[in-house]
Amino acid sequence: MAVARTPRSRWIDAGLRALAAGGPDAVRIESLAQALGVTKGGFYGYFDDRGALLDEMLDVWEHNLVDKVIQLVEARGGDARTRLRRLFEIAGSGDGLATDVATLRGVDLAVRDWSRRDPAVAVRLRRIDNRRMDYMRSLFGAFCSDEEDVEARCMLVFSLWVADQFIAADHGEHSRAEVLKLATQRLLA
């Protein structure tokens, strides 16, 4: 009887969960094998070393956070405002993404922290952030003729997405979701 091999994608998913929970130092082959309930020997059938896994994890994170999101937004069409609303919905819910939004956001924060110590990760993060900003610029630019207004709106949206996780403030009679909805409505006006 042949022994079923743990799929490569499971190693990457386990690595992303570990990264989100504890940063790059938490991504350890032995810990991942334990979390998957397998031996670490199977790891080396897919990856030369831990560095190769980390690179593939960043590739998957970028694909899910940029390529997949853009595909989901563009797939249903609509004008620029409609696509921006869909972008905000996907970013808030993770709807349609292979990885849940909490893990994606946790990985995003972990990569941002990691980039402060690793120049190669910093270069990659800048490229990814530029891709995300370029996509938003294309959408906001479809209905905002002022380049400064486009740039300000993009920065506000991106800042909301990253910083929302750090803000613990109450919003009076409003929920966080209501306030975020109000903010996005103003950005789309």
Protein backbone atom coordinates (compact mmCIF):
# COMPACT_ATOMS: atom_id res chain seq x y z
CA MET A 1 0.00 0.00 0.00
CA ALA A 2 1.43 3.39 -1.04
CA VAL A 3 1.76 6.07 1.59
CA ALA A 4 -0.06 9.28 0.72
CA ARG A 5 2.24 12.25 0.53
CA THR A 6 1.33 15.51 2.24
CA PRO A 7 0.67 17.94 -0.63
CA ARG A 8 3.07 20.84 -1.16
CA SER A 9 0.20 23.28 -0.71
CA ARG A 10 -0.43 21.99 2.83
CA TRP A 11 3.17 22.75 3.79
CA ILE A 12 2.82 26.26 2.36
CA ASP A 13 -0.55 26.85 4.08
CA ALA A 14 0.86 25.63 7.40
CA GLY A 15 3.86 27.92 6.88
CA LEU A 16 1.58 30.91 6.19
CA ARG A 17 -0.44 30.20 9.34
CA ALA A 18 2.79 29.97 11.36
CA LEU A 19 4.07 33.21 9.80
CA ALA A 20 0.82 34.99 10.63
CA ALA A 21 0.91 33.72 14.21
CA GLY A 22 4.57 34.25 15.04
CA GLY A 23 6.56 35.81 12.22
CA PRO A 24 9.26 34.16 10.13
CA ASP A 25 10.99 32.62 13.16
CA ALA A 26 7.84 30.55 13.79
CA VAL A 27 8.19 28.88 10.39
CA ARG A 28 10.18 25.79 11.39
CA ILE A 29 10.13 22.52 9.47
CA GLU A 30 9.74 20.36 12.57
CA SER A 31 6.90 22.52 13.93
CA LEU A 32 5.11 22.48 10.60
CA ALA A 33 5.43 18.70 10.35
CA GLN A 34 4.00 18.38 13.85
CA ALA A 35 1.11 20.71 12.99
CA LEU A 36 0.41 18.65 9.86
CA GLY A 37 0.71 15.37 11.76
CA VAL A 38 3.46 14.07 9.49
CA THR A 39 7.21 13.50 9.60
CA LYS A 40 9.51 16.23 8.37
CA GLY A 41 11.03 13.90 5.76
CA GLY A 42 8.22 14.69 3.31
CA PHE A 43 9.17 18.36 3.42
CA TYR A 44 12.41 17.70 1.55
CA GLY A 45 10.55 16.07 -1.32
CA TYR A 46 9.23 19.53 -2.17
CA PHE A 47 11.71 22.05 -0.78
CA ASP A 48 15.50 22.17 -0.67
CA ASP A 49 15.45 24.02 2.62
CA ARG A 50 13.48 26.40 4.85
CA GLY A 51 14.47 29.37 2.65
CA ALA A 52 12.83 27.75 -0.37
CA LEU A 53 9.63 27.29 1.65
CA LEU A 54 9.70 30.94 2.78
CA ASP A 55 10.10 32.09 -0.85
CA GLU A 56 7.16 29.98 -2.00
CA MET A 57 5.07 31.22 0.90
CA LEU A 58 5.72 34.79 -0.20
CA ASP A 59 4.82 33.82 -3.78
CA VAL A 60 1.50 32.33 -2.63
CA TRP A 61 0.80 35.32 -0.37
CA GLU A 62 1.41 37.71 -3.28
CA HIS A 63 -0.74 35.65 -5.62
CA ASN A 64 -3.64 35.57 -3.13
CA LEU A 65 -3.35 39.19 -2.09
CA VAL A 66 -2.77 40.76 -5.49
CA ASP A 67 -3.36 38.49 -8.49
CA LYS A 68 -6.32 36.57 -7.09
CA VAL A 69 -7.99 39.67 -5.67
CA ILE A 70 -7.66 41.53 -8.97
CA GLN A 71 -9.04 38.49 -10.84
CA LEU A 72 -12.03 38.33 -8.49
CA VAL A 73 -12.71 42.05 -8.81
CA GLU A 74 -12.38 42.11 -12.59
CA ALA A 75 -14.33 38.89 -13.20
CA ARG A 76 -17.69 40.50 -12.50
CA GLY A 77 -16.95 43.72 -14.37
CA GLY A 78 -18.72 46.98 -13.74
CA ASP A 79 -17.55 50.55 -13.63
CA ALA A 80 -14.59 51.66 -11.52
CA ARG A 81 -16.68 52.49 -8.44
CA THR A 82 -18.37 49.08 -8.59
CA ARG A 83 -15.01 47.36 -8.86
CA LEU A 84 -13.62 49.41 -5.95
CA ARG A 85 -16.63 48.42 -3.81
CA ARG A 86 -15.97 44.79 -4.72
CA LEU A 87 -12.27 45.25 -3.86
CA PHE A 88 -13.24 46.63 -0.44
CA GLU A 89 -15.66 43.75 0.13
CA ILE A 90 -13.09 41.12 -0.76
CA ALA A 91 -10.42 42.80 1.35
CA GLY A 92 -12.80 42.85 4.30
CA SER A 93 -14.19 39.36 3.98
CA GLY A 94 -11.68 37.27 2.03
CA ASP A 95 -14.63 36.04 0.00
CA GLY A 96 -13.39 33.94 -2.91
CA LEU A 97 -9.82 33.64 -1.64
CA ALA A 98 -8.18 30.32 -0.86
CA THR A 99 -6.86 31.61 2.48
CA ASP A 100 -9.08 33.25 5.07
CA VAL A 101 -8.77 37.02 5.43
CA ALA A 102 -7.52 36.81 9.03
CA THR A 103 -4.54 34.72 7.92
CA LEU A 104 -3.87 36.97 4.92
CA ARG A 105 -3.94 40.05 7.14
CA GLY A 106 -1.76 38.33 9.73
CA VAL A 107 0.73 37.40 7.03
CA ASP A 108 0.61 40.96 5.70
CA LEU A 109 1.55 42.33 9.12
CA ALA A 110 4.22 39.66 9.64
CA VAL A 111 5.78 40.42 6.24
CA ARG A 112 5.78 44.15 7.01
CA ASP A 113 7.59 43.48 10.29
CA TRP A 114 9.94 40.98 8.62
CA SER A 115 10.78 43.50 5.89
CA ARG A 116 12.27 45.80 8.53
CA ARG A 117 15.01 43.20 9.14
CA ASP A 118 15.42 41.55 5.74
CA PRO A 119 16.29 43.74 2.73
CA ALA A 120 15.14 41.09 0.21
CA VAL A 121 11.72 40.92 1.86
CA ALA A 122 11.60 44.75 1.92
CA VAL A 123 12.20 44.86 -1.85
CA ARG A 124 9.48 42.28 -2.40
CA LEU A 125 7.01 44.10 -0.14
CA ARG A 126 7.63 47.39 -1.96
CA ARG A 127 6.93 45.67 -5.30
CA ILE A 128 3.73 44.10 -3.95
CA ASP A 129 2.53 47.34 -2.37
CA ASN A 130 3.26 49.19 -5.62
CA ARG A 131 1.19 46.64 -7.57
CA ARG A 132 -1.70 47.10 -5.15
CA MET A 133 -1.45 50.90 -5.33
CA ASP A 134 -1.18 50.84 -9.14
CA TYR A 135 -4.39 48.82 -9.36
CA MET A 136 -6.24 51.24 -7.09
CA ARG A 137 -4.82 54.20 -9.04
CA SER A 138 -6.25 52.73 -12.23
CA LEU A 139 -9.70 52.45 -10.63
CA PHE A 140 -9.78 55.81 -8.85
CA GLY A 141 -8.26 57.44 -11.95
CA ALA A 142 -11.29 56.36 -13.97
CA PHE A 143 -13.48 58.87 -12.12
CA CYS A 144 -11.03 61.28 -10.47
CA SER A 145 -9.22 63.59 -12.87
CA ASP A 146 -6.97 65.14 -10.22
CA GLU A 147 -3.82 63.00 -9.78
CA GLU A 148 -3.33 64.30 -6.24
CA ASP A 149 -6.88 63.27 -5.35
CA VAL A 150 -6.27 59.80 -6.81
CA GLU A 151 -3.06 59.40 -4.81
CA ALA A 152 -4.69 60.62 -1.60
CA ARG A 153 -7.64 58.24 -1.98
CA CYS A 154 -5.33 55.30 -2.68
CA MET A 155 -3.21 56.11 0.35
CA LEU A 156 -6.28 56.40 2.57
CA VAL A 157 -7.71 53.07 1.37
CA PHE A 158 -4.40 51.28 1.77
CA SER A 159 -3.81 52.84 5.18
CA LEU A 160 -7.28 51.78 6.31
CA TRP A 161 -6.60 48.19 5.27
CA VAL A 162 -3.25 47.98 7.08
CA ALA A 163 -3.99 50.12 10.14
CA ASP A 164 -7.51 48.87 10.88
CA GLN A 165 -5.95 45.94 12.72
CA PHE A 166 -4.15 48.30 15.11
CA ILE A 167 -7.00 50.66 15.95
CA ALA A 168 -8.85 49.77 19.13
CA ALA A 169 -11.04 52.88 19.34
CA ASP A 170 -14.77 52.73 19.95
CA HIS A 171 -17.03 54.52 17.50
CA GLY A 172 -19.85 55.69 19.72
CA GLU A 173 -23.17 54.42 18.44
CA HIS A 174 -21.56 52.98 15.29
CA SER A 175 -19.90 49.62 14.78
CA ARG A 176 -16.45 49.35 13.21
CA ALA A 177 -18.09 47.90 10.09
CA GLU A 178 -20.44 50.90 9.84
CA VAL A 179 -17.57 53.37 10.18
CA LEU A 180 -15.52 51.55 7.56
CA LYS A 181 -18.53 51.56 5.25
CA LEU A 182 -18.93 55.33 5.77
CA ALA A 183 -15.22 55.85 5.05
CA THR A 184 -15.37 53.88 1.83
CA GLN A 185 -18.51 55.70 0.71
CA ARG A 186 -16.71 59.00 1.12
CA LEU A 187 -13.69 57.70 -0.78
CA LEU A 188 -15.95 56.68 -3.67
CA ALA A 189 -17.80 60.01 -3.84
